[in-house]
C-alpha atoms as a PDB file:
ATOM      1  CA  UNK A   1      43.027 164.083 210.067  1.00  0.00           C
ATOM      2  CA  UNK A   2      42.115 167.207 211.235  1.00  0.00           C
ATOM      3  CA  UNK A   3      38.769 166.023 212.323  1.00  0.00           C
ATOM      4  CA  UNK A   4      40.312 163.380 214.559  1.00  0.00           C
ATOM      5  CA  UNK A   5      42.408 165.807 216.109  1.00  0.00           C
ATOM      6  CA  UNK A   6      39.758 168.259 217.219  1.00  0.00           C
ATOM      7  CA  UNK A   7      37.945 165.181 218.045  1.00  0.00           C
ATOM      8  CA  UNK A   8      40.347 164.062 220.661  1.00  0.00           C
ATOM      9  CA  UNK A   9      41.165 167.638 221.928  1.00  0.00           C
ATOM     10  CA  UNK A  10      37.444 168.170 222.726  1.00  0.00           C
ATOM     11  CA  UNK A  11      37.710 164.674 224.425  1.00  0.00           C
ATOM     12  CA  UNK A  12      41.102 165.554 226.262  1.00  0.00           C
ATOM     13  CA  UNK A  13      43.107 162.833 225.440  1.00  0.00           C
ATOM     14  CA  UNK A  14      46.340 163.055 223.883  1.00  0.00           C
ATOM     15  CA  UNK A  15      47.189 161.530 220.294  1.00  0.00           C
ATOM     16  CA  UNK A  16      50.552 160.048 219.120  1.00  0.00           C
ATOM     17  CA  UNK A  17      50.849 160.453 215.241  1.00  0.00           C
ATOM     18  CA  UNK A  18      53.180 158.251 213.817  1.00  0.00           C
ATOM     19  CA  UNK A  19      54.729 158.525 210.628  1.00  0.00           C
ATOM     20  CA  UNK A  20      57.063 155.649 208.670  1.00  0.00           C
ATOM     21  CA  UNK A  21      58.848 156.375 205.911  1.00  0.00           C
ATOM     22  CA  UNK A  22      60.172 153.225 203.676  1.00  0.00           C
ATOM     23  CA  UNK A  23      63.165 153.286 201.920  1.00  0.00           C
ATOM     24  CA  UNK A  24      63.978 152.583 198.349  1.00  0.00           C
ATOM     25  CA  UNK A  25      60.385 151.592 198.168  1.00  0.00           C
ATOM     26  CA  UNK A  26      60.312 151.045 194.412  1.00  0.00           C
ATOM     27  CA  UNK A  27      63.765 149.439 194.435  1.00  0.00           C
ATOM     28  CA  UNK A  28      63.385 146.642 196.618  1.00  0.00           C
ATOM     29  CA  UNK A  29      59.669 145.829 195.945  1.00  0.00           C
ATOM     30  CA  UNK A  30      59.204 142.030 194.765  1.00  0.00           C
ATOM     31  CA  UNK A  31      56.930 142.196 191.439  1.00  0.00           C
ATOM     32  CA  UNK A  32      55.804 138.978 192.115  1.00  0.00           C
ATOM     33  CA  UNK A  33      54.722 139.867 195.558  1.00  0.00           C
ATOM     34  CA  UNK A  34      53.054 142.730 194.239  1.00  0.00           C
ATOM     35  CA  UNK A  35      51.547 140.519 191.284  1.00  0.00           C
ATOM     36  CA  UNK A  36      50.193 137.979 194.252  1.00  0.00           C
ATOM     37  CA  UNK A  37      48.488 140.892 195.879  1.00  0.00           C
ATOM     38  CA  UNK A  38      46.085 142.034 193.096  1.00  0.00           C
ATOM     39  CA  UNK A  39      45.706 138.584 192.165  1.00  0.00           C
ATOM     40  CA  UNK A  40      44.142 137.966 195.518  1.00  0.00           C
ATOM     41  CA  UNK A  41      42.345 141.614 195.000  1.00  0.00           C
ATOM     42  CA  UNK A  42      40.135 139.624 191.715  1.00  0.00           C
ATOM     43  CA  UNK A  43      42.785 141.141 188.924  1.00  0.00           C
ATOM     44  CA  UNK A  44      43.163 138.224 187.447  1.00  0.00           C
ATOM     45  CA  UNK A  45      42.747 136.467 183.508  1.00  0.00           C
ATOM     46  CA  UNK A  46      44.235 138.995 180.498  1.00  0.00           C
ATOM     47  CA  UNK A  47      44.707 141.966 182.782  1.00  0.00           C
ATOM     48  CA  UNK A  48      46.837 140.005 185.366  1.00  0.00           C
ATOM     49  CA  UNK A  49      49.279 138.815 182.766  1.00  0.00           C
ATOM     50  CA  UNK A  50      49.232 142.638 180.833  1.00  0.00           C
ATOM     51  CA  UNK A  51      50.501 143.999 184.396  1.00  0.00           C
ATOM     52  CA  UNK A  52      53.165 141.182 184.299  1.00  0.00           C
ATOM     53  CA  UNK A  53      54.398 141.635 180.954  1.00  0.00           C
ATOM     54  CA  UNK A  54      54.405 146.089 181.582  1.00  0.00           C
ATOM     55  CA  UNK A  55      57.075 145.352 184.867  1.00  0.00           C
ATOM     56  CA  UNK A  56      59.099 141.734 183.560  1.00  0.00           C
ATOM     57  CA  UNK A  57      61.877 143.194 181.746  1.00  0.00           C
ATOM     58  CA  UNK A  58      62.255 146.621 183.409  1.00  0.00           C
ATOM     59  CA  UNK A  59      65.128 149.266 181.970  1.00  0.00           C
ATOM     60  CA  UNK A  60      65.774 152.520 183.216  1.00  0.00           C
ATOM     61  CA  UNK A  61      67.336 155.710 181.580  1.00  0.00           C
ATOM     62  CA  UNK A  62      68.044 158.491 183.805  1.00  0.00           C
ATOM     63  CA  UNK A  63      67.537 162.648 182.915  1.00  0.00           C
ATOM     64  CA  UNK A  64      69.996 164.488 184.625  1.00  0.00           C
ATOM     65  CA  UNK A  65      71.630 168.478 183.989  1.00  0.00           C
ATOM     66  CA  UNK A  66      74.492 166.046 182.248  1.00  0.00           C
ATOM     67  CA  UNK A  67      72.098 164.632 179.476  1.00  0.00           C
ATOM     68  CA  UNK A  68      70.570 160.949 179.332  1.00  0.00           C
ATOM     69  CA  UNK A  69      72.371 158.088 180.732  1.00  0.00           C
ATOM     70  CA  UNK A  70      72.716 154.921 179.246  1.00  0.00           C
ATOM     71  CA  UNK A  71      70.158 152.575 179.099  1.00  0.00           C
ATOM     72  CA  UNK A  72      69.981 150.233 182.421  1.00  0.00           C
ATOM     73  CA  UNK A  73      68.615 146.681 182.666  1.00  0.00           C
ATOM     74  CA  UNK A  74      66.934 145.962 185.938  1.00  0.00           C
ATOM     75  CA  UNK A  75      65.020 142.773 185.402  1.00  0.00           C
ATOM     76  CA  UNK A  76      61.945 142.044 187.328  1.00  0.00           C
ATOM     77  CA  UNK A  77      60.497 144.606 189.337  1.00  0.00           C
ATOM     78  CA  UNK A  78      58.040 147.103 189.790  1.00  0.00           C
ATOM     79  CA  UNK A  79      58.585 149.961 187.816  1.00  0.00           C
ATOM     80  CA  UNK A  80      58.690 153.008 189.279  1.00  0.00           C
ATOM     81  CA  UNK A  81      56.454 155.821 187.262  1.00  0.00           C
ATOM     82  CA  UNK A  82      54.535 153.729 185.360  1.00  0.00           C
ATOM     83  CA  UNK A  83      50.157 153.750 185.970  1.00  0.00           C
ATOM     84  CA  UNK A  84      50.503 149.912 186.585  1.00  0.00           C
ATOM     85  CA  UNK A  85      53.475 150.141 188.827  1.00  0.00           C
ATOM     86  CA  UNK A  86      51.844 152.403 190.924  1.00  0.00           C
ATOM     87  CA  UNK A  87      48.369 150.583 191.233  1.00  0.00           C
ATOM     88  CA  UNK A  88      50.547 147.446 192.106  1.00  0.00           C
ATOM     89  CA  UNK A  89      52.636 149.021 194.283  1.00  0.00           C
ATOM     90  CA  UNK A  90      49.779 150.719 196.226  1.00  0.00           C
ATOM     91  CA  UNK A  91      47.422 147.779 196.273  1.00  0.00           C
ATOM     92  CA  UNK A  92      50.247 145.681 197.921  1.00  0.00           C
ATOM     93  CA  UNK A  93      51.216 148.133 200.771  1.00  0.00           C
ATOM     94  CA  UNK A  94      47.578 148.272 201.585  1.00  0.00           C
ATOM     95  CA  UNK A  95      46.507 144.554 201.423  1.00  0.00           C
ATOM     96  CA  UNK A  96      49.888 144.283 203.745  1.00  0.00           C
ATOM     97  CA  UNK A  97      49.073 146.714 206.328  1.00  0.00           C
ATOM     98  CA  UNK A  98      45.113 146.171 206.242  1.00  0.00           C
ATOM     99  CA  UNK A  99      46.273 142.269 206.655  1.00  0.00           C
ATOM    100  CA  UNK A 100      48.297 143.303 210.044  1.00  0.00           C
ATOM    101  CA  UNK A 101      45.683 145.591 211.627  1.00  0.00           C
ATOM    102  CA  UNK A 102      42.456 144.270 211.250  1.00  0.00           C
ATOM    103  CA  UNK A 103      42.440 142.649 214.252  1.00  0.00           C
ATOM    104  CA  UNK A 104      44.060 145.092 215.888  1.00  0.00           C
ATOM    105  CA  UNK A 105      42.881 145.996 219.521  1.00  0.00           C
ATOM    106  CA  UNK A 106      45.255 149.074 219.392  1.00  0.00           C
ATOM    107  CA  UNK A 107      43.171 151.523 216.676  1.00  0.00           C
ATOM    108  CA  UNK A 108      41.256 154.424 217.545  1.00  0.00           C
ATOM    109  CA  UNK A 109      38.379 155.635 215.996  1.00  0.00           C
ATOM    110  CA  UNK A 110      35.939 158.587 215.063  1.00  0.00           C
ATOM    111  CA  UNK A 111      32.946 158.391 216.389  1.00  0.00           C
ATOM    112  CA  UNK A 112      31.897 154.623 214.818  1.00  0.00           C
ATOM    113  CA  UNK A 113      34.403 154.641 212.102  1.00  0.00           C
ATOM    114  CA  UNK A 114      37.289 152.405 213.074  1.00  0.00           C
ATOM    115  CA  UNK A 115      40.600 154.049 211.638  1.00  0.00           C
ATOM    116  CA  UNK A 116      43.709 152.127 210.417  1.00  0.00           C
ATOM    117  CA  UNK A 117      47.065 153.637 209.459  1.00  0.00           C
ATOM    118  CA  UNK A 118      46.544 155.856 206.522  1.00  0.00           C
ATOM    119  CA  UNK A 119      48.772 154.853 203.022  1.00  0.00           C
ATOM    120  CA  UNK A 120      50.232 157.037 200.338  1.00  0.00           C
ATOM    121  CA  UNK A 121      53.181 156.170 197.946  1.00  0.00           C
ATOM    122  CA  UNK A 122      55.774 155.554 200.437  1.00  0.00           C
ATOM    123  CA  UNK A 123      54.880 156.851 203.576  1.00  0.00           C
ATOM    124  CA  UNK A 124      52.905 155.372 206.214  1.00  0.00           C
ATOM    125  CA  UNK A 125      50.521 157.545 209.200  1.00  0.00           C
ATOM    126  CA  UNK A 126      48.702 156.116 211.978  1.00  0.00           C
ATOM    127  CA  UNK A 127      46.869 157.596 215.162  1.00  0.00           C
ATOM    128  CA  UNK A 128      46.714 156.114 218.812  1.00  0.00           C
ATOM    129  CA  UNK A 129      46.555 157.495 222.576  1.00  0.00           C
ATOM    130  CA  UNK A 130      48.955 155.377 224.298  1.00  0.00           C
ATOM    131  CA  UNK A 131      52.652 154.177 224.606  1.00  0.00           C
ATOM    132  CA  UNK A 132      51.860 150.538 224.981  1.00  0.00           C
ATOM    133  CA  UNK A 133      49.403 151.396 221.176  1.00  0.00           C
ATOM    134  CA  UNK A 134      51.921 153.046 219.993  1.00  0.00           C
ATOM    135  CA  UNK A 135      54.624 150.145 220.455  1.00  0.00           C
ATOM    136  CA  UNK A 136      52.031 147.912 218.994  1.00  0.00           C
ATOM    137  CA  UNK A 137      51.637 149.717 215.992  1.00  0.00           C
ATOM    138  CA  UNK A 138      55.236 149.431 215.564  1.00  0.00           C
ATOM    139  CA  UNK A 139      55.605 146.113 215.858  1.00  0.00           C
ATOM    140  CA  UNK A 140      52.818 145.373 213.217  1.00  0.00           C
ATOM    141  CA  UNK A 141      54.393 147.630 210.568  1.00  0.00           C
ATOM    142  CA  UNK A 142      57.637 146.488 210.793  1.00  0.00           C
ATOM    143  CA  UNK A 143      56.799 142.624 210.550  1.00  0.00           C
ATOM    144  CA  UNK A 144      54.859 143.921 207.549  1.00  0.00           C
ATOM    145  CA  UNK A 145      57.333 145.562 205.838  1.00  0.00           C
ATOM    146  CA  UNK A 146      60.085 142.598 206.491  1.00  0.00           C
ATOM    147  CA  UNK A 147      57.117 140.227 205.010  1.00  0.00           C
ATOM    148  CA  UNK A 148      57.434 142.660 201.800  1.00  0.00           C
ATOM    149  CA  UNK A 149      61.324 142.679 202.086  1.00  0.00           C
ATOM    150  CA  UNK A 150      60.648 146.264 202.668  1.00  0.00           C
ATOM    151  CA  UNK A 151      62.525 149.069 205.694  1.00  0.00           C
ATOM    152  CA  UNK A 152      61.456 151.654 207.010  1.00  0.00           C
ATOM    153  CA  UNK A 153      63.693 154.947 206.886  1.00  0.00           C
ATOM    154  CA  UNK A 154      64.461 154.944 211.177  1.00  0.00           C
ATOM    155  CA  UNK A 155      65.707 158.543 210.356  1.00  0.00           C
ATOM    156  CA  UNK A 156      62.352 160.022 208.779  1.00  0.00           C
ATOM    157  CA  UNK A 157      60.165 157.303 210.749  1.00  0.00           C
ATOM    158  CA  UNK A 158      59.259 159.481 213.784  1.00  0.00           C
ATOM    159  CA  UNK A 159      56.272 160.449 216.077  1.00  0.00           C
ATOM    160  CA  UNK A 160      54.331 163.602 217.228  1.00  0.00           C
ATOM    161  CA  UNK A 161      52.404 164.182 220.144  1.00  0.00           C
ATOM    162  CA  UNK A 162      49.118 166.504 219.700  1.00  0.00           C
ATOM    163  CA  UNK A 163      46.874 167.798 222.592  1.00  0.00           C
ATOM    164  CA  UNK A 164      46.601 169.616 225.545  1.00  0.00           C
ATOM    165  CA  UNK A 165      49.723 169.874 227.521  1.00  0.00           C
ATOM    166  CA  UNK A 166      49.635 167.870 230.644  1.00  0.00           C
ATOM    167  CA  UNK A 167      48.063 165.620 229.060  1.00  0.00           C
ATOM    168  CA  UNK A 168      50.729 165.201 226.567  1.00  0.00           C
ATOM    169  CA  UNK A 169      53.386 165.570 229.180  1.00  0.00           C
ATOM    170  CA  UNK A 170      51.890 162.082 230.813  1.00  0.00           C
ATOM    171  CA  UNK A 171      52.620 160.438 227.685  1.00  0.00           C
ATOM    172  CA  UNK A 172      55.685 161.690 226.774  1.00  0.00           C
ATOM    173  CA  UNK A 173      56.856 160.720 230.547  1.00  0.00           C
ATOM    174  CA  UNK A 174      55.613 157.103 229.776  1.00  0.00           C
ATOM    175  CA  UNK A 175      57.649 157.625 226.594  1.00  0.00           C
ATOM    176  CA  UNK A 176      60.624 158.525 228.294  1.00  0.00           C
ATOM    177  CA  UNK A 177      60.203 155.982 230.629  1.00  0.00           C
ATOM    178  CA  UNK A 178      60.218 153.039 228.480  1.00  0.00           C
ATOM    179  CA  UNK A 179      60.914 154.599 224.639  1.00  0.00           C
ATOM    180  CA  UNK A 180      59.328 153.516 221.862  1.00  0.00           C
ATOM    181  CA  UNK A 181      61.280 151.261 219.243  1.00  0.00           C
ATOM    182  CA  UNK A 182      61.079 149.843 215.632  1.00  0.00           C
ATOM    183  CA  UNK A 183      63.169 147.390 215.002  1.00  0.00           C
ATOM    184  CA  UNK A 184      66.160 148.062 216.775  1.00  0.00           C
ATOM    185  CA  UNK A 185      65.857 151.530 216.740  1.00  0.00           C
ATOM    186  CA  UNK A 186      64.777 154.324 219.023  1.00  0.00           C
ATOM    187  CA  UNK A 187      62.050 156.410 217.750  1.00  0.00           C
ATOM    188  CA  UNK A 188      62.486 160.102 217.945  1.00  0.00           C
ATOM    189  CA  UNK A 189      59.374 162.791 218.913  1.00  0.00           C
ATOM    190  CA  UNK A 190      59.645 165.717 216.283  1.00  0.00           C
ATOM    191  CA  UNK A 191      57.891 168.665 217.179  1.00  0.00           C
ATOM    192  CA  UNK A 192      54.324 169.732 214.945  1.00  0.00           C
ATOM    193  CA  UNK A 193      54.534 173.048 213.139  1.00  0.00           C
ATOM    194  CA  UNK A 194      51.125 174.512 212.058  1.00  0.00           C
END
């Protein structure tokens, strides 16, 4: 990302860094949706069946300062903390985001490399150059999350303006006149700390 910031700064083009936080990611993610995604990715046969068997009858037990909780059955879901759960979950979200952004005309590039949203666990980051491109990304990500029965934590879903002060002020003014929204929520700007 730092290279992209530097390139766009050199060109005098402001950037909008959009940050999305998926709320209760593992608690809500559908095992069947995740398994469908890995099947479409080519994981089939015995490996597919193993992933299903490892996640179909999930039980949890929580270690806290007051001791170990009772064993609780949570049913069919993507098992948090497991290797198979992490693989299924990462693939599921990656395929979903790619399907929404693969033909998007609102993405930036670094030289000749098109940059789509970046994913890490339950966080998504995206760069764009205008208020309209930022809003288009908000709609794509909102639709993707809804299709996966997921929600964004709107308190942690924010944007940061990056660039020279005068160019950033123009983008800030555009957003002030027509605020960025995610679903029904108006997004807040956060300051970048170095």
